[in-house]
Protein backbone atom coordinates (compact mmCIF):
# COMPACT_ATOMS: atom_id res chain seq x y z
CA MET A 1 0.00 0.00 0.00
CA HIS A 2 1.15 3.50 -0.82
CA ARG A 3 0.49 6.55 1.23
CA VAL A 4 -2.31 8.71 -0.18
CA VAL A 5 -1.36 12.35 -0.72
CA TRP A 6 -4.34 14.67 -1.12
CA PRO A 7 -4.00 17.73 -3.35
CA THR A 8 -3.48 21.08 -1.70
CA ALA A 9 -6.18 23.74 -1.83
CA LYS A 10 -4.17 25.62 -4.46
CA GLU A 11 -3.86 22.53 -6.68
CA ASN A 12 -7.54 21.79 -6.20
CA ARG A 13 -8.54 25.33 -7.25
CA ARG A 14 -6.22 25.16 -10.28
CA ASP A 15 -7.57 21.81 -11.44
CA THR A 16 -11.18 22.90 -10.89
CA SER A 17 -10.65 26.12 -12.85
CA ILE A 18 -9.07 24.15 -15.71
CA VAL A 19 -12.04 21.77 -15.86
CA ILE A 20 -14.59 24.60 -15.76
CA SER A 21 -12.68 26.60 -18.40
CA LEU A 22 -12.40 23.64 -20.76
CA THR A 23 -16.08 22.81 -20.26
CA ILE A 24 -17.11 26.36 -21.16
CA PHE A 25 -14.74 26.36 -24.15
CA PHE A 26 -16.13 23.11 -25.55
CA VAL A 27 -19.75 24.19 -24.99
CA ILE A 28 -19.12 27.36 -27.00
CA PHE A 29 -17.07 25.49 -29.62
CA PHE A 30 -19.73 22.85 -30.27
CA ALA A 31 -22.52 25.46 -30.22
CA VAL A 32 -20.71 27.40 -32.97
CA ILE A 33 -20.06 24.24 -34.99
CA ASP A 34 -23.72 23.24 -34.61
CA TRP A 35 -24.84 26.72 -35.69
CA ILE A 36 -22.59 26.58 -38.78
CA ILE A 37 -23.81 23.11 -39.76
CA GLN A 38 -27.43 24.09 -39.20
CA HIS A 39 -27.18 27.18 -41.39
CA GLY A 40 -25.23 25.25 -44.02
CA MET A 41 -27.89 22.57 -44.18
CA LEU A 42 -30.68 25.13 -44.39
CA ALA A 43 -28.90 26.89 -47.25
CA PHE A 44 -28.33 23.53 -48.96
CA VAL A 45 -31.99 22.51 -48.64
CA LYS A 46 -33.38 25.79 -50.00
């Protein structure tokens, strides 16, 4: 068995901010891609 070392508060805040930032980035990224595809398909259908 190895000794468990918990992350410090600073490491925890850093990791949490990275996860939240990446989540927001990917939500915006996929929303833009979806919007582009949607408008492209509508233009293609018309």
